[in-house]
Every structure is written in structure tokens, then in C-alpha cells.
Amino acid sequence: IAPRIVSSRSGDDQNPHLLNRPSVVQQRRRMQRMSSPAVAQAVILG
């Protein structure tokens, strides 16, 4: 069961974490976006 998880920072609900199963293409893109620690930090801030 996934409840509403309300962020105190933004007020948004962090669920659903993923509504649908990601495709291989989507996961490849995510891997490319998180290719290094520096890039990962930029992705987090964005």
C-alpha cells in the first residue's frame, strides 16, 4: 500500500512514486542523466 506522503518542503504528494512501469528506454535515459555525481547533483536541484 502506498499512502499519501506529503512533503513539508513543497507540499506535494510523493506518491505515486511511479504510476506505470518504466520502459527500458526510460531507464536508459535516467542512467544517462545520472551519469556522474556532478550531473546527479544538477538533476536533483532541477
PDB file of all heavy atoms in Angstrom:
ATOM      1  N   ILE A   1       0.852  -1.185   0.000  1.00  0.00           N
ATOM      2  CA  ILE A   1       0.000   0.000   0.000  1.00  0.00           C
ATOM      3  C   ILE A   1       0.886   1.232   0.000  1.00  0.00           C
ATOM      4  O   ILE A   1       1.824   1.339   0.791  1.00  0.00           O
ATOM      5  CB  ILE A   1      -0.933   0.031   1.224  1.00  0.00           C
ATOM      6  CG1 ILE A   1      -1.882  -1.169   1.217  1.00  0.00           C
ATOM      7  CG2 ILE A   1      -1.721   1.336   1.269  1.00  0.00           C
ATOM      8  CD1 ILE A   1      -2.758  -1.255   2.457  1.00  0.00           C
ATOM      9  N   ALA A   2       0.577   2.172  -0.878  1.00  0.00           N
ATOM     10  CA  ALA A   2       1.290   3.449  -0.950  1.00  0.00           C
ATOM     11  C   ALA A   2       0.368   4.548  -0.438  1.00  0.00           C
ATOM     12  O   ALA A   2      -0.652   4.835  -1.060  1.00  0.00           O
ATOM     13  CB  ALA A   2       1.713   3.744  -2.382  1.00  0.00           C
ATOM     14  N   PRO A   3       0.677   5.174   0.704  1.00  0.00           N
ATOM     15  CA  PRO A   3      -0.163   6.263   1.204  1.00  0.00           C
ATOM     16  C   PRO A   3       0.241   7.595   0.573  1.00  0.00           C
ATOM     17  O   PRO A   3       1.243   7.683  -0.146  1.00  0.00           O
ATOM     18  CB  PRO A   3       0.161   6.271   2.693  1.00  0.00           C
ATOM     19  CG  PRO A   3       1.634   5.918   2.710  1.00  0.00           C
ATOM     20  CD  PRO A   3       1.819   4.912   1.587  1.00  0.00           C
ATOM     21  N   ARG A   4      -0.530   8.629   0.842  1.00  0.00           N
ATOM     22  CA  ARG A   4      -0.072   9.973   0.530  1.00  0.00           C
ATOM     23  C   ARG A   4       1.114  10.286   1.445  1.00  0.00           C
ATOM     24  O   ARG A   4       1.030  10.103   2.656  1.00  0.00           O
ATOM     25  CB  ARG A   4      -1.185  10.999   0.767  1.00  0.00           C
ATOM     26  CG  ARG A   4      -2.204  11.062  -0.342  1.00  0.00           C
ATOM     27  CD  ARG A   4      -3.381  11.962   0.000  1.00  0.00           C
ATOM     28  NE  ARG A   4      -2.959  13.269   0.504  1.00  0.00           N
ATOM     29  CZ  ARG A   4      -2.622  14.311  -0.260  1.00  0.00           C
ATOM     30  NH1 ARG A   4      -2.626  14.180  -1.579  1.00  0.00           N
ATOM     31  NH2 ARG A   4      -2.285  15.466   0.265  1.00  0.00           N
ATOM     32  N   ILE A   5       2.234  10.751   0.862  1.00  0.00           N
ATOM     33  CA  ILE A   5       3.395  11.187   1.631  1.00  0.00           C
ATOM     34  C   ILE A   5       3.599  12.659   1.287  1.00  0.00           C
ATOM     35  O   ILE A   5       4.120  12.998   0.227  1.00  0.00           O
ATOM     36  CB  ILE A   5       4.657  10.365   1.289  1.00  0.00           C
ATOM     37  CG1 ILE A   5       4.406   8.867   1.511  1.00  0.00           C
ATOM     38  CG2 ILE A   5       5.843  10.842   2.125  1.00  0.00           C
ATOM     39  CD1 ILE A   5       5.561   7.984   1.093  1.00  0.00           C
ATOM     40  N   VAL A   6       3.145  13.527   2.164  1.00  0.00           N
ATOM     41  CA  VAL A   6       3.117  14.953   1.864  1.00  0.00           C
ATOM     42  C   VAL A   6       4.438  15.591   2.281  1.00  0.00           C
ATOM     43  O   VAL A   6       4.832  15.554   3.455  1.00  0.00           O
ATOM     44  CB  VAL A   6       1.944  15.650   2.569  1.00  0.00           C
ATOM     45  CG1 VAL A   6       1.943  17.141   2.252  1.00  0.00           C
ATOM     46  CG2 VAL A   6       0.623  15.015   2.135  1.00  0.00           C
ATOM     47  N   SER A   7       5.135  16.171   1.319  1.00  0.00           N
ATOM     48  CA  SER A   7       6.425  16.809   1.573  1.00  0.00           C
ATOM     49  C   SER A   7       6.232  18.131   2.297  1.00  0.00           C
ATOM     50  O   SER A   7       5.439  18.979   1.866  1.00  0.00           O
ATOM     51  CB  SER A   7       7.155  17.047   0.248  1.00  0.00           C
ATOM     52  OG  SER A   7       8.253  17.923   0.439  1.00  0.00           O
ATOM     53  N   SER A   8       6.970  18.323   3.385  1.00  0.00           N
ATOM     54  CA  SER A   8       6.901  19.595   4.099  1.00  0.00           C
ATOM     55  C   SER A   8       7.607  20.704   3.329  1.00  0.00           C
ATOM     56  O   SER A   8       7.385  21.881   3.590  1.00  0.00           O
ATOM     57  CB  SER A   8       7.527  19.454   5.490  1.00  0.00           C
ATOM     58  OG  SER A   8       8.904  19.138   5.382  1.00  0.00           O
ATOM     59  N   ARG A   9       8.468  20.329   2.377  1.00  0.00           N
ATOM     60  CA  ARG A   9       9.184  21.332   1.577  1.00  0.00           C
ATOM     61  C   ARG A   9       8.287  21.948   0.512  1.00  0.00           C
ATOM     62  O   ARG A   9       8.191  23.155   0.371  1.00  0.00           O
ATOM     63  CB  ARG A   9      10.407  20.697   0.908  1.00  0.00           C
ATOM     64  CG  ARG A   9      11.568  20.454   1.851  1.00  0.00           C
ATOM     65  CD  ARG A   9      12.702  19.803   1.099  1.00  0.00           C
ATOM     66  NE  ARG A   9      13.867  19.612   1.960  1.00  0.00           N
ATOM     67  CZ  ARG A   9      14.754  18.659   1.788  1.00  0.00           C
ATOM     68  NH1 ARG A   9      14.621  17.808   0.790  1.00  0.00           N
ATOM     69  NH2 ARG A   9      15.797  18.552   2.602  1.00  0.00           N
ATOM     70  N   SER A  10       7.644  21.088  -0.258  1.00  0.00           N
ATOM     71  CA  SER A  10       6.893  21.568  -1.415  1.00  0.00           C
ATOM     72  C   SER A  10       5.393  21.453  -1.254  1.00  0.00           C
ATOM     73  O   SER A  10       4.640  22.075  -1.999  1.00  0.00           O
ATOM     74  CB  SER A  10       7.317  20.785  -2.662  1.00  0.00           C
ATOM     75  OG  SER A  10       6.962  19.418  -2.520  1.00  0.00           O
ATOM     76  N   GLY A  11       4.952  20.625  -0.305  1.00  0.00           N
ATOM     77  CA  GLY A  11       3.524  20.392  -0.151  1.00  0.00           C
ATOM     78  C   GLY A  11       2.970  19.355  -1.098  1.00  0.00           C
ATOM     79  O   GLY A  11       1.776  19.049  -1.058  1.00  0.00           O
ATOM     80  N   ASP A  12       3.808  18.779  -1.970  1.00  0.00           N
ATOM     81  CA  ASP A  12       3.304  17.797  -2.930  1.00  0.00           C
ATOM     82  C   ASP A  12       3.270  16.405  -2.320  1.00  0.00           C
ATOM     83  O   ASP A  12       3.899  16.113  -1.315  1.00  0.00           O
ATOM     84  CB  ASP A  12       4.136  17.806  -4.217  1.00  0.00           C
ATOM     85  CG  ASP A  12       5.543  17.289  -3.992  1.00  0.00           C
ATOM     86  OD1 ASP A  12       6.150  17.667  -2.978  1.00  0.00           O
ATOM     87  OD2 ASP A  12       6.033  16.518  -4.839  1.00  0.00           O
ATOM     88  N   ASP A  13       2.496  15.548  -2.948  1.00  0.00           N
ATOM     89  CA  ASP A  13       2.388  14.150  -2.562  1.00  0.00           C
ATOM     90  C   ASP A  13       3.464  13.363  -3.313  1.00  0.00           C
ATOM     91  O   ASP A  13       3.506  13.387  -4.540  1.00  0.00           O
ATOM     92  CB  ASP A  13       0.990  13.645  -2.902  1.00  0.00           C
ATOM     93  CG  ASP A  13       0.773  12.183  -2.539  1.00  0.00           C
ATOM     94  OD1 ASP A  13       1.674  11.564  -1.947  1.00  0.00           O
ATOM     95  OD2 ASP A  13      -0.316  11.659  -2.854  1.00  0.00           O
ATOM     96  N   GLN A  14       4.331  12.669  -2.582  1.00  0.00           N
ATOM     97  CA  GLN A  14       5.430  11.949  -3.212  1.00  0.00           C
ATOM     98  C   GLN A  14       5.006  10.607  -3.806  1.00  0.00           C
ATOM     99  O   GLN A  14       5.806   9.935  -4.454  1.00  0.00           O
ATOM    100  CB  GLN A  14       6.562  11.783  -2.206  1.00  0.00           C
ATOM    101  CG  GLN A  14       7.149  13.125  -1.805  1.00  0.00           C
ATOM    102  CD  GLN A  14       8.195  13.025  -0.708  1.00  0.00           C
ATOM    103  OE1 GLN A  14       8.035  12.290   0.262  1.00  0.00           O
ATOM    104  NE2 GLN A  14       9.269  13.779  -0.849  1.00  0.00           N
ATOM    105  N   ASN A  15       3.788  10.216  -3.583  1.00  0.00           N
ATOM    106  CA  ASN A  15       3.204   9.065  -4.268  1.00  0.00           C
ATOM    107  C   ASN A  15       2.193   9.541  -5.296  1.00  0.00           C
ATOM    108  O   ASN A  15       1.618  10.627  -5.147  1.00  0.00           O
ATOM    109  CB  ASN A  15       2.535   8.125  -3.255  1.00  0.00           C
ATOM    110  CG  ASN A  15       3.497   7.072  -2.745  1.00  0.00           C
ATOM    111  OD1 ASN A  15       4.280   6.510  -3.508  1.00  0.00           O
ATOM    112  ND2 ASN A  15       3.445   6.808  -1.444  1.00  0.00           N
ATOM    113  N   PRO A  16       1.964   8.762  -6.341  1.00  0.00           N
ATOM    114  CA  PRO A  16       2.687   7.542  -6.691  1.00  0.00           C
ATOM    115  C   PRO A  16       4.149   7.831  -7.069  1.00  0.00           C
ATOM    116  O   PRO A  16       4.395   8.796  -7.800  1.00  0.00           O
ATOM    117  CB  PRO A  16       1.935   7.021  -7.909  1.00  0.00           C
ATOM    118  CG  PRO A  16       0.613   7.719  -7.907  1.00  0.00           C
ATOM    119  CD  PRO A  16       0.875   9.045  -7.281  1.00  0.00           C
ATOM    120  N   HIS A  17       5.041   6.996  -6.578  1.00  0.00           N
ATOM    121  CA  HIS A  17       6.442   7.159  -6.971  1.00  0.00           C
ATOM    122  C   HIS A  17       6.571   6.921  -8.470  1.00  0.00           C
ATOM    123  O   HIS A  17       7.194   7.710  -9.180  1.00  0.00           O
ATOM    124  CB  HIS A  17       7.314   6.189  -6.189  1.00  0.00           C
ATOM    125  CG  HIS A  17       8.756   6.247  -6.564  1.00  0.00           C
ATOM    126  ND1 HIS A  17       9.548   7.333  -6.289  1.00  0.00           N
ATOM    127  CD2 HIS A  17       9.556   5.356  -7.228  1.00  0.00           C
ATOM    128  CE1 HIS A  17      10.776   7.119  -6.749  1.00  0.00           C
ATOM    129  NE2 HIS A  17      10.799   5.935  -7.333  1.00  0.00           N
ATOM    130  N   LEU A  18       5.996   5.827  -8.933  1.00  0.00           N
ATOM    131  CA  LEU A  18       5.893   5.558 -10.376  1.00  0.00           C
ATOM    132  C   LEU A  18       4.502   5.024 -10.643  1.00  0.00           C
ATOM    133  O   LEU A  18       4.108   3.994 -10.096  1.00  0.00           O
ATOM    134  CB  LEU A  18       6.946   4.540 -10.828  1.00  0.00           C
ATOM    135  CG  LEU A  18       8.391   5.039 -10.939  1.00  0.00           C
ATOM    136  CD1 LEU A  18       9.336   3.870 -11.188  1.00  0.00           C
ATOM    137  CD2 LEU A  18       8.525   6.075 -12.044  1.00  0.00           C
ATOM    138  N   LEU A  19       3.772   5.730 -11.469  1.00  0.00           N
ATOM    139  CA  LEU A  19       2.411   5.306 -11.791  1.00  0.00           C
ATOM    140  C   LEU A  19       2.428   4.058 -12.665  1.00  0.00           C
ATOM    141  O   LEU A  19       1.661   3.116 -12.449  1.00  0.00           O
ATOM    142  CB  LEU A  19       1.681   6.443 -12.500  1.00  0.00           C
ATOM    143  CG  LEU A  19       0.203   6.232 -12.795  1.00  0.00           C
ATOM    144  CD1 LEU A  19      -0.585   6.012 -11.510  1.00  0.00           C
ATOM    145  CD2 LEU A  19      -0.353   7.427 -13.565  1.00  0.00           C
ATOM    146  N   ASN A  20       3.333   4.041 -13.648  1.00  0.00           N
ATOM    147  CA  ASN A  20       3.437   2.917 -14.575  1.00  0.00           C
ATOM    148  C   ASN A  20       4.860   2.372 -14.597  1.00  0.00           C
ATOM    149  O   ASN A  20       5.821   3.084 -14.267  1.00  0.00           O
ATOM    150  CB  ASN A  20       3.041   3.357 -15.983  1.00  0.00           C
ATOM    151  CG  ASN A  20       1.625   3.891 -16.044  1.00  0.00           C
ATOM    152  OD1 ASN A  20       0.675   3.198 -15.688  1.00  0.00           O
ATOM    153  ND2 ASN A  20       1.474   5.142 -16.481  1.00  0.00           N
ATOM    154  N   ARG A  21       4.978   1.135 -15.028  1.00  0.00           N
ATOM    155  CA  ARG A  21       6.304   0.517 -15.126  1.00  0.00           C
ATOM    156  C   ARG A  21       7.140   1.242 -16.180  1.00  0.00           C
ATOM    157  O   ARG A  21       6.701   1.427 -17.313  1.00  0.00           O
ATOM    158  CB  ARG A  21       6.160  -0.956 -15.496  1.00  0.00           C
ATOM    159  CG  ARG A  21       7.474  -1.739 -15.461  1.00  0.00           C
ATOM    160  CD  ARG A  21       7.191  -3.218 -15.684  1.00  0.00           C
ATOM    161  NE  ARG A  21       8.393  -4.015 -15.458  1.00  0.00           N
ATOM    162  CZ  ARG A  21       9.170  -4.497 -16.424  1.00  0.00           C
ATOM    163  NH1 ARG A  21       8.871  -4.255 -17.696  1.00  0.00           N
ATOM    164  NH2 ARG A  21      10.238  -5.216 -16.132  1.00  0.00           N
ATOM    165  N   PRO A  22       8.349   1.659 -15.833  1.00  0.00           N
ATOM    166  CA  PRO A  22       9.180   2.355 -16.816  1.00  0.00           C
ATOM    167  C   PRO A  22       9.681   1.401 -17.890  1.00  0.00           C
ATOM    168  O   PRO A  22       9.867   0.213 -17.658  1.00  0.00           O
ATOM    169  CB  PRO A  22      10.340   2.899 -15.972  1.00  0.00           C
ATOM    170  CG  PRO A  22      10.432   1.962 -14.812  1.00  0.00           C
ATOM    171  CD  PRO A  22       9.014   1.540 -14.521  1.00  0.00           C
ATOM    172  N   SER A  23       9.900   1.955 -19.057  1.00  0.00           N
ATOM    173  CA  SER A  23      10.434   1.165 -20.155  1.00  0.00           C
ATOM    174  C   SER A  23      11.954   1.117 -20.063  1.00  0.00           C
ATOM    175  O   SER A  23      12.582   1.883 -19.320  1.00  0.00           O
ATOM    176  CB  SER A  23      10.018   1.779 -21.494  1.00  0.00           C
ATOM    177  OG  SER A  23      10.659   3.046 -21.660  1.00  0.00           O
ATOM    178  N   VAL A  24      12.534   0.241 -20.837  1.00  0.00           N
ATOM    179  CA  VAL A  24      13.994   0.162 -20.908  1.00  0.00           C
ATOM    180  C   VAL A  24      14.562   1.490 -21.411  1.00  0.00           C
ATOM    181  O   VAL A  24      15.583   1.975 -20.906  1.00  0.00           O
ATOM    182  CB  VAL A  24      14.428  -1.001 -21.829  1.00  0.00           C
ATOM    183  CG1 VAL A  24      15.944  -0.990 -22.023  1.00  0.00           C
ATOM    184  CG2 VAL A  24      13.978  -2.338 -21.256  1.00  0.00           C
ATOM    185  N   VAL A  25      13.890   2.098 -22.376  1.00  0.00           N
ATOM    186  CA  VAL A  25      14.346   3.383 -22.915  1.00  0.00           C
ATOM    187  C   VAL A  25      14.332   4.459 -21.828  1.00  0.00           C
ATOM    188  O   VAL A  25      15.288   5.242 -21.700  1.00  0.00           O
ATOM    189  CB  VAL A  25      13.473   3.810 -24.109  1.00  0.00           C
ATOM    190  CG1 VAL A  25      13.811   5.237 -24.542  1.00  0.00           C
ATOM    191  CG2 VAL A  25      13.663   2.847 -25.275  1.00  0.00           C
ATOM    192  N   GLN A  26      13.279   4.511 -21.036  1.00  0.00           N
ATOM    193  CA  GLN A  26      13.198   5.494 -19.962  1.00  0.00           C
ATOM    194  C   GLN A  26      14.301   5.284 -18.934  1.00  0.00           C
ATOM    195  O   GLN A  26      14.916   6.247 -18.449  1.00  0.00           O
ATOM    196  CB  GLN A  26      11.826   5.420 -19.280  1.00  0.00           C
ATOM    197  CG  GLN A  26      10.691   5.963 -20.124  1.00  0.00           C
ATOM    198  CD  GLN A  26       9.341   5.670 -19.507  1.00  0.00           C
ATOM    199  OE1 GLN A  26       9.089   4.587 -18.975  1.00  0.00           O
ATOM    200  NE2 GLN A  26       8.449   6.650 -19.582  1.00  0.00           N
ATOM    201  N   GLN A  27      14.567   4.039 -18.604  1.00  0.00           N
ATOM    202  CA  GLN A  27      15.609   3.750 -17.616  1.00  0.00           C
ATOM    203  C   GLN A  27      17.000   4.051 -18.187  1.00  0.00           C
ATOM    204  O   GLN A  27      17.884   4.490 -17.451  1.00  0.00           O
ATOM    205  CB  GLN A  27      15.527   2.302 -17.155  1.00  0.00           C
ATOM    206  CG  GLN A  27      14.324   2.004 -16.268  1.00  0.00           C
ATOM    207  CD  GLN A  27      14.317   2.885 -15.022  1.00  0.00           C
ATOM    208  OE1 GLN A  27      13.513   3.808 -14.903  1.00  0.00           O
ATOM    209  NE2 GLN A  27      15.197   2.615 -14.094  1.00  0.00           N
ATOM    210  N   ARG A  28      17.181   3.837 -19.471  1.00  0.00           N
ATOM    211  CA  ARG A  28      18.454   4.193 -20.091  1.00  0.00           C
ATOM    212  C   ARG A  28      18.671   5.707 -20.041  1.00  0.00           C
ATOM    213  O   ARG A  28      19.766   6.180 -19.739  1.00  0.00           O
ATOM    214  CB  ARG A  28      18.510   3.699 -21.533  1.00  0.00           C
ATOM    215  CG  ARG A  28      19.869   3.972 -22.210  1.00  0.00           C
ATOM    216  CD  ARG A  28      19.867   3.638 -23.682  1.00  0.00           C
ATOM    217  NE  ARG A  28      19.602   2.242 -23.919  1.00  0.00           N
ATOM    218  CZ  ARG A  28      18.539   1.771 -24.566  1.00  0.00           C
ATOM    219  NH1 ARG A  28      17.617   2.623 -25.023  1.00  0.00           N
ATOM    220  NH2 ARG A  28      18.375   0.483 -24.750  1.00  0.00           N
ATOM    221  N   ARG A  29      17.614   6.445 -20.330  1.00  0.00           N
ATOM    222  CA  ARG A  29      17.719   7.903 -20.268  1.00  0.00           C
ATOM    223  C   ARG A  29      18.041   8.378 -18.854  1.00  0.00           C
ATOM    224  O   ARG A  29      18.832   9.299 -18.663  1.00  0.00           O
ATOM    225  CB  ARG A  29      16.415   8.535 -20.752  1.00  0.00           C
ATOM    226  CG  ARG A  29      16.199   8.442 -22.261  1.00  0.00           C
ATOM    227  CD  ARG A  29      14.831   8.951 -22.640  1.00  0.00           C
ATOM    228  NE  ARG A  29      14.595   8.848 -24.076  1.00  0.00           N
ATOM    229  CZ  ARG A  29      13.407   8.961 -24.646  1.00  0.00           C
ATOM    230  NH1 ARG A  29      12.330   9.192 -23.902  1.00  0.00           N
ATOM    231  NH2 ARG A  29      13.286   8.859 -25.970  1.00  0.00           N
ATOM    232  N   ARG A  30      17.404   7.742 -17.877  1.00  0.00           N
ATOM    233  CA  ARG A  30      17.698   8.119 -16.488  1.00  0.00           C
ATOM    234  C   ARG A  30      19.147   7.818 -16.149  1.00  0.00           C
ATOM    235  O   ARG A  30      19.826   8.620 -15.500  1.00  0.00           O
ATOM    236  CB  ARG A  30      16.775   7.372 -15.523  1.00  0.00           C
ATOM    237  CG  ARG A  30      17.098   7.661 -14.053  1.00  0.00           C
ATOM    238  CD  ARG A  30      16.062   7.142 -13.090  1.00  0.00           C
ATOM    239  NE  ARG A  30      16.471   7.358 -11.724  1.00  0.00           N
ATOM    240  CZ  ARG A  30      16.413   8.514 -11.085  1.00  0.00           C
ATOM    241  NH1 ARG A  30      15.959   9.595 -11.703  1.00  0.00           N
ATOM    242  NH2 ARG A  30      16.814   8.618  -9.837  1.00  0.00           N
ATOM    243  N   MET A  31      19.649   6.676 -16.583  1.00  0.00           N
ATOM    244  CA  MET A  31      21.036   6.321 -16.331  1.00  0.00           C
ATOM    245  C   MET A  31      21.969   7.347 -16.972  1.00  0.00           C
ATOM    246  O   MET A  31      22.978   7.748 -16.370  1.00  0.00           O
ATOM    247  CB  MET A  31      21.328   4.914 -16.865  1.00  0.00           C
ATOM    248  CG  MET A  31      22.758   4.442 -16.634  1.00  0.00           C
ATOM    249  SD  MET A  31      23.030   2.751 -17.225  1.00  0.00           S
ATOM    250  CE  MET A  31      22.781   2.965 -19.003  1.00  0.00           C
ATOM    251  N   GLN A  32      21.626   7.795 -18.167  1.00  0.00           N
ATOM    252  CA  GLN A  32      22.453   8.787 -18.857  1.00  0.00           C
ATOM    253  C   GLN A  32      22.403  10.133 -18.147  1.00  0.00           C
ATOM    254  O   GLN A  32      23.405  10.845 -18.066  1.00  0.00           O
ATOM    255  CB  GLN A  32      21.989   8.916 -20.305  1.00  0.00           C
ATOM    256  CG  GLN A  32      22.276   7.681 -21.152  1.00  0.00           C
ATOM    257  CD  GLN A  32      21.572   7.687 -22.496  1.00  0.00           C
ATOM    258  OE1 GLN A  32      20.630   8.468 -22.716  1.00  0.00           O
ATOM    259  NE2 GLN A  32      21.997   6.809 -23.400  1.00  0.00           N
ATOM    260  N   ARG A  33      21.211  10.488 -17.613  1.00  0.00           N
ATOM    261  CA  ARG A  33      21.068  11.752 -16.883  1.00  0.00           C
ATOM    262  C   ARG A  33      21.828  11.719 -15.561  1.00  0.00           C
ATOM    263  O   ARG A  33      22.261  12.754 -15.060  1.00  0.00           O
ATOM    264  CB  ARG A  33      19.584  12.037 -16.607  1.00  0.00           C
ATOM    265  CG  ARG A  33      18.778  12.418 -17.841  1.00  0.00           C
ATOM    266  CD  ARG A  33      17.315  12.592 -17.488  1.00  0.00           C
ATOM    267  NE  ARG A  33      17.095  13.747 -16.619  1.00  0.00           N
ATOM    268  CZ  ARG A  33      16.326  13.751 -15.538  1.00  0.00           C
ATOM    269  NH1 ARG A  33      15.716  12.640 -15.166  1.00  0.00           N
ATOM    270  NH2 ARG A  33      16.172  14.842 -14.835  1.00  0.00           N
ATOM    271  N   MET A  34      21.975  10.544 -14.975  1.00  0.00           N
ATOM    272  CA  MET A  34      22.682  10.391 -13.695  1.00  0.00           C
ATOM    273  C   MET A  34      24.048   9.765 -13.946  1.00  0.00           C
ATOM    274  O   MET A  34      24.450   8.826 -13.273  1.00  0.00           O
ATOM    275  CB  MET A  34      21.853   9.523 -12.752  1.00  0.00           C
ATOM    276  CG  MET A  34      20.425   9.974 -12.574  1.00  0.00           C
ATOM    277  SD  MET A  34      20.273  11.508 -11.625  1.00  0.00           S
ATOM    278  CE  MET A  34      20.467  10.887  -9.960  1.00  0.00           C
ATOM    279  N   SER A  35      24.768  10.299 -14.901  1.00  0.00           N
ATOM    280  CA  SER A  35      25.997   9.661 -15.368  1.00  0.00           C
ATOM    281  C   SER A  35      27.192   9.891 -14.459  1.00  0.00           C
ATOM    282  O   SER A  35      28.191   9.177 -14.541  1.00  0.00           O
ATOM    283  CB  SER A  35      26.332  10.146 -16.785  1.00  0.00           C
ATOM    284  OG  SER A  35      26.483  11.566 -16.791  1.00  0.00           O
ATOM    285  N   SER A  36      27.139  10.896 -13.590  1.00  0.00           N
ATOM    286  CA  SER A  36      28.251  11.196 -12.691  1.00  0.00           C
ATOM    287  C   SER A  36      27.691  11.911 -11.468  1.00  0.00           C
ATOM    288  O   SER A  36      26.567  12.441 -11.501  1.00  0.00           O
ATOM    289  CB  SER A  36      29.278  12.090 -13.384  1.00  0.00           C
ATOM    290  OG  SER A  36      28.760  13.410 -13.547  1.00  0.00           O
ATOM    291  N   PRO A  37      28.444  11.962 -10.366  1.00  0.00           N
ATOM    292  CA  PRO A  37      27.958  12.673  -9.172  1.00  0.00           C
ATOM    293  C   PRO A  37      27.609  14.134  -9.442  1.00  0.00           C
ATOM    294  O   PRO A  37      26.599  14.634  -8.944  1.00  0.00           O
ATOM    295  CB  PRO A  37      29.131  12.540  -8.193  1.00  0.00           C
ATOM    296  CG  PRO A  37      29.790  11.257  -8.573  1.00  0.00           C
ATOM    297  CD  PRO A  37      29.687  11.204 -10.070  1.00  0.00           C
ATOM    298  N   ALA A  38      28.420  14.826 -10.247  1.00  0.00           N
ATOM    299  CA  ALA A  38      28.149  16.241 -10.528  1.00  0.00           C
ATOM    300  C   ALA A  38      26.849  16.414 -11.302  1.00  0.00           C
ATOM    301  O   ALA A  38      26.033  17.298 -11.003  1.00  0.00           O
ATOM    302  CB  ALA A  38      29.311  16.852 -11.300  1.00  0.00           C
ATOM    303  N   VAL A  39      26.647  15.568 -12.298  1.00  0.00           N
ATOM    304  CA  VAL A  39      25.422  15.641 -13.087  1.00  0.00           C
ATOM    305  C   VAL A  39      24.222  15.280 -12.216  1.00  0.00           C
ATOM    306  O   VAL A  39      23.156  15.898 -12.306  1.00  0.00           O
ATOM    307  CB  VAL A  39      25.514  14.716 -14.313  1.00  0.00           C
ATOM    308  CG1 VAL A  39      24.177  14.667 -15.047  1.00  0.00           C
ATOM    309  CG2 VAL A  39      26.615  15.178 -15.249  1.00  0.00           C
ATOM    310  N   ALA A  40      24.400  14.280 -11.341  1.00  0.00           N
ATOM    311  CA  ALA A  40      23.313  13.875 -10.452  1.00  0.00           C
ATOM    312  C   ALA A  40      22.880  15.024  -9.543  1.00  0.00           C
ATOM    313  O   ALA A  40      21.693  15.233  -9.310  1.00  0.00           O
ATOM    314  CB  ALA A  40      23.744  12.673  -9.621  1.00  0.00           C
ATOM    315  N   GLN A  41      23.848  15.789  -9.045  1.00  0.00           N
ATOM    316  CA  GLN A  41      23.513  16.930  -8.187  1.00  0.00           C
ATOM    317  C   GLN A  41      22.709  17.972  -8.955  1.00  0.00           C
ATOM    318  O   GLN A  41      21.737  18.538  -8.441  1.00  0.00           O
ATOM    319  CB  GLN A  41      24.778  17.565  -7.628  1.00  0.00           C
ATOM    320  CG  GLN A  41      24.538  18.758  -6.701  1.00  0.00           C
ATOM    321  CD  GLN A  41      23.749  18.392  -5.469  1.00  0.00           C
ATOM    322  OE1 GLN A  41      24.272  17.846  -4.511  1.00  0.00           O
ATOM    323  NE2 GLN A  41      22.451  18.684  -5.480  1.00  0.00           N
ATOM    324  N   ALA A  42      23.083  18.223 -10.191  1.00  0.00           N
ATOM    325  CA  ALA A  42      22.339  19.177 -11.011  1.00  0.00           C
ATOM    326  C   ALA A  42      20.916  18.684 -11.252  1.00  0.00           C
ATOM    327  O   ALA A  42      19.961  19.479 -11.225  1.00  0.00           O
ATOM    328  CB  ALA A  42      23.066  19.393 -12.335  1.00  0.00           C
ATOM    329  N   VAL A  43      20.745  17.390 -11.468  1.00  0.00           N
ATOM    330  CA  VAL A  43      19.418  16.819 -11.690  1.00  0.00           C
ATOM    331  C   VAL A  43      18.560  16.976 -10.437  1.00  0.00           C
ATOM    332  O   VAL A  43      17.366  17.318 -10.523  1.00  0.00           O
ATOM    333  CB  VAL A  43      19.535  15.330 -12.081  1.00  0.00           C
ATOM    334  CG1 VAL A  43      18.156  14.663 -12.064  1.00  0.00           C
ATOM    335  CG2 VAL A  43      20.162  15.194 -13.461  1.00  0.00           C
ATOM    336  N   ILE A  44      19.137  16.758  -9.269  1.00  0.00           N
ATOM    337  CA  ILE A  44      18.396  16.905  -8.010  1.00  0.00           C
ATOM    338  C   ILE A  44      17.878  18.323  -7.843  1.00  0.00           C
ATOM    339  O   ILE A  44      16.708  18.552  -7.512  1.00  0.00           O
ATOM    340  CB  ILE A  44      19.293  16.529  -6.812  1.00  0.00           C
ATOM    341  CG1 ILE A  44      19.599  15.032  -6.830  1.00  0.00           C
ATOM    342  CG2 ILE A  44      18.626  16.914  -5.491  1.00  0.00           C
ATOM    343  CD1 ILE A  44      20.699  14.639  -5.889  1.00  0.00           C
ATOM    344  N   LEU A  45      18.733  19.299  -8.068  1.00  0.00           N
ATOM    345  CA  LEU A  45      18.322  20.693  -7.913  1.00  0.00           C
ATOM    346  C   LEU A  45      17.239  21.071  -8.923  1.00  0.00           C
ATOM    347  O   LEU A  45      16.278  21.765  -8.586  1.00  0.00           O
ATOM    348  CB  LEU A  45      19.538  21.603  -8.052  1.00  0.00           C
ATOM    349  CG  LEU A  45      20.594  21.475  -6.937  1.00  0.00           C
ATOM    350  CD1 LEU A  45      21.817  22.324  -7.255  1.00  0.00           C
ATOM    351  CD2 LEU A  45      20.014  21.867  -5.586  1.00  0.00           C
ATOM    352  N   GLY A  46      17.393  20.604 -10.156  1.00  0.00           N
ATOM    353  CA  GLY A  46      16.386  20.890 -11.167  1.00  0.00           C
ATOM    354  C   GLY A  46      15.047  20.233 -10.845  1.00  0.00           C
ATOM    355  O   GLY A  46      13.984  20.856 -10.993  1.00  0.00           O
TER     356      GLY A  46
END
